[in-house]
Amino acid sequence: MNALAATNRNFRHVARILGLDYKLEKSPLVPFREIKVECTIPKDNDTLVSYVGFRIQHDNARGPMKGGIHYHPEQGRSQVDPDEANALAQLMTWKTAVVNIPYGGANGGIGCNPRDLSISE
């Protein structure tokens, strides 16, 4: 079971315990927005390389969305996976709500190794 399926299962279980209406139980499982981008940038050796990145914005009902961004050289590995980011965005939404911080949840990632990139002027 992947992280998103586990997170959704746990949320549905808690929703049943709390007696939430089915319609109310369904809506928090769907993210507010999913953004996917592809960036092509020149490297120091004058070659071009393309990276795919994404951001899952889960909920902004309580305030601006906060969450991390993950990097990994291989897309679909580690936490650079849309399902994993979706699960982490949901969890951030629930964590901020439980401790009454006025933020929603978000998370994202890009399939690149930051050590392979340089800042050149």
Protein backbone atom coordinates (compact mmCIF):
# COMPACT_ATOMS: atom_id res chain seq x y z
CA MET A 1 0.00 0.00 0.00
CA ASN A 2 1.42 3.38 -0.95
CA ALA A 3 1.47 6.41 1.35
CA LEU A 4 -1.60 8.07 -0.21
CA ALA A 5 -3.74 4.94 0.10
CA ALA A 6 -2.67 4.52 3.75
CA THR A 7 -3.38 8.19 4.56
CA ASN A 8 -6.82 8.02 2.91
CA ARG A 9 -7.64 4.75 4.70
CA ASN A 10 -6.69 6.27 8.06
CA PHE A 11 -8.72 9.41 7.41
CA ARG A 12 -11.81 7.39 6.41
CA HIS A 13 -11.43 5.28 9.56
CA VAL A 14 -11.30 8.39 11.78
CA ALA A 15 -14.22 9.97 9.87
CA ARG A 16 -16.36 6.91 10.66
CA ILE A 17 -15.36 7.06 14.34
CA LEU A 18 -16.33 10.77 14.42
CA GLY A 19 -19.58 10.06 12.58
CA LEU A 20 -18.87 12.43 9.69
CA ASP A 21 -21.38 12.51 6.84
CA TYR A 22 -20.20 10.61 3.74
CA LYS A 23 -20.09 13.79 1.62
CA LEU A 24 -18.01 15.56 4.25
CA GLU A 25 -15.75 12.51 4.48
CA LYS A 26 -15.06 12.53 0.72
CA SER A 27 -14.14 16.19 0.10
CA PRO A 28 -11.00 16.44 2.31
CA LEU A 29 -9.41 13.55 0.39
CA VAL A 30 -9.24 15.53 -2.86
CA PRO A 31 -6.45 18.13 -3.14
CA PHE A 32 -7.34 21.76 -3.88
CA ARG A 33 -4.76 21.98 -6.69
CA GLU A 34 -2.10 19.85 -8.37
CA ILE A 35 0.56 21.64 -10.41
CA LYS A 36 3.04 19.89 -12.69
CA VAL A 37 5.84 21.72 -14.50
CA GLU A 38 8.74 20.82 -16.73
CA CYS A 39 11.81 23.04 -16.66
CA THR A 40 14.56 22.90 -19.26
CA ILE A 41 17.72 24.62 -18.13
CA PRO A 42 21.27 24.92 -19.50
CA LYS A 43 24.04 23.22 -17.55
CA ASP A 44 27.58 24.56 -17.16
CA ASN A 45 28.79 22.35 -20.05
CA ASP A 46 26.23 24.00 -22.42
CA THR A 47 23.93 20.93 -22.55
CA LEU A 48 20.24 21.22 -21.78
CA VAL A 49 18.55 19.13 -19.14
CA SER A 50 14.83 18.85 -18.33
CA TYR A 51 13.38 18.33 -14.87
CA VAL A 52 9.80 17.56 -13.91
CA GLY A 53 8.45 19.09 -10.73
CA PHE A 54 5.08 19.23 -9.06
CA ARG A 55 3.28 20.81 -6.14
CA ILE A 56 0.21 19.44 -4.38
CA GLN A 57 -1.81 22.10 -2.60
CA HIS A 58 -4.21 20.22 -0.38
CA ASP A 59 -6.30 22.79 1.49
CA ASN A 60 -6.38 26.53 2.12
CA ALA A 61 -9.59 26.80 4.17
CA ARG A 62 -7.67 27.65 7.37
CA GLY A 63 -5.04 29.88 5.77
CA PRO A 64 -2.10 29.81 3.37
CA MET A 65 -0.70 26.40 2.49
CA LYS A 66 2.62 25.29 3.94
CA GLY A 67 4.76 22.27 3.29
CA GLY A 68 8.08 21.04 2.06
CA ILE A 69 9.68 20.24 -1.26
CA HIS A 70 11.68 17.10 -1.91
CA TYR A 71 14.51 16.49 -4.36
CA HIS A 72 15.70 13.16 -5.71
CA PRO A 73 17.68 12.30 -8.84
CA GLU A 74 15.12 9.71 -9.96
CA GLN A 75 11.46 10.61 -10.43
CA GLY A 76 9.15 8.20 -8.61
CA ARG A 77 11.73 7.35 -5.94
CA SER A 78 12.00 8.47 -2.34
CA GLN A 79 9.49 11.25 -1.68
CA VAL A 80 9.54 12.72 -5.18
CA ASP A 81 6.29 11.07 -6.16
CA PRO A 82 2.89 12.76 -6.61
CA ASP A 83 1.11 10.22 -4.40
CA GLU A 84 3.68 10.62 -1.62
CA ALA A 85 3.49 14.42 -1.89
CA ASN A 86 -0.32 14.26 -1.81
CA ALA A 87 -0.19 12.17 1.37
CA LEU A 88 2.30 14.56 2.99
CA ALA A 89 0.17 17.57 2.00
CA GLN A 90 -2.91 15.95 3.58
CA LEU A 91 -0.98 15.16 6.73
CA MET A 92 0.24 18.78 6.96
CA THR A 93 -3.38 19.94 6.71
CA TRP A 94 -4.43 17.65 9.57
CA LYS A 95 -1.37 18.51 11.72
CA THR A 96 -1.90 22.26 11.47
CA ALA A 97 -5.62 21.86 12.20
CA VAL A 98 -5.05 19.67 15.27
CA VAL A 99 -2.68 22.19 16.87
CA ASN A 100 -4.82 25.13 15.70
CA ILE A 101 -2.23 26.79 13.46
CA PRO A 102 -3.92 28.84 10.70
CA TYR A 103 -2.32 27.06 7.73
CA GLY A 104 -3.32 24.50 5.16
CA GLY A 105 -1.15 21.73 3.77
CA ALA A 106 1.00 21.45 0.66
CA ASN A 107 3.99 19.46 -0.56
CA GLY A 108 5.99 19.02 -3.72
CA GLY A 109 9.06 17.64 -5.36
CA ILE A 110 11.40 17.76 -8.29
CA GLY A 111 13.31 14.87 -9.81
CA CYS A 112 16.83 16.31 -9.72
CA ASN A 113 19.98 16.10 -7.67
CA PRO A 114 20.69 19.61 -6.32
CA ARG A 115 24.40 18.75 -6.07
CA ASP A 116 24.52 18.47 -9.87
CA LEU A 117 23.36 22.07 -10.24
CA SER A 118 25.44 25.18 -9.88
CA ILE A 119 24.80 28.86 -9.61
CA SER A 120 26.58 30.68 -12.37
CA GLU A 121 26.32 34.34 -13.13
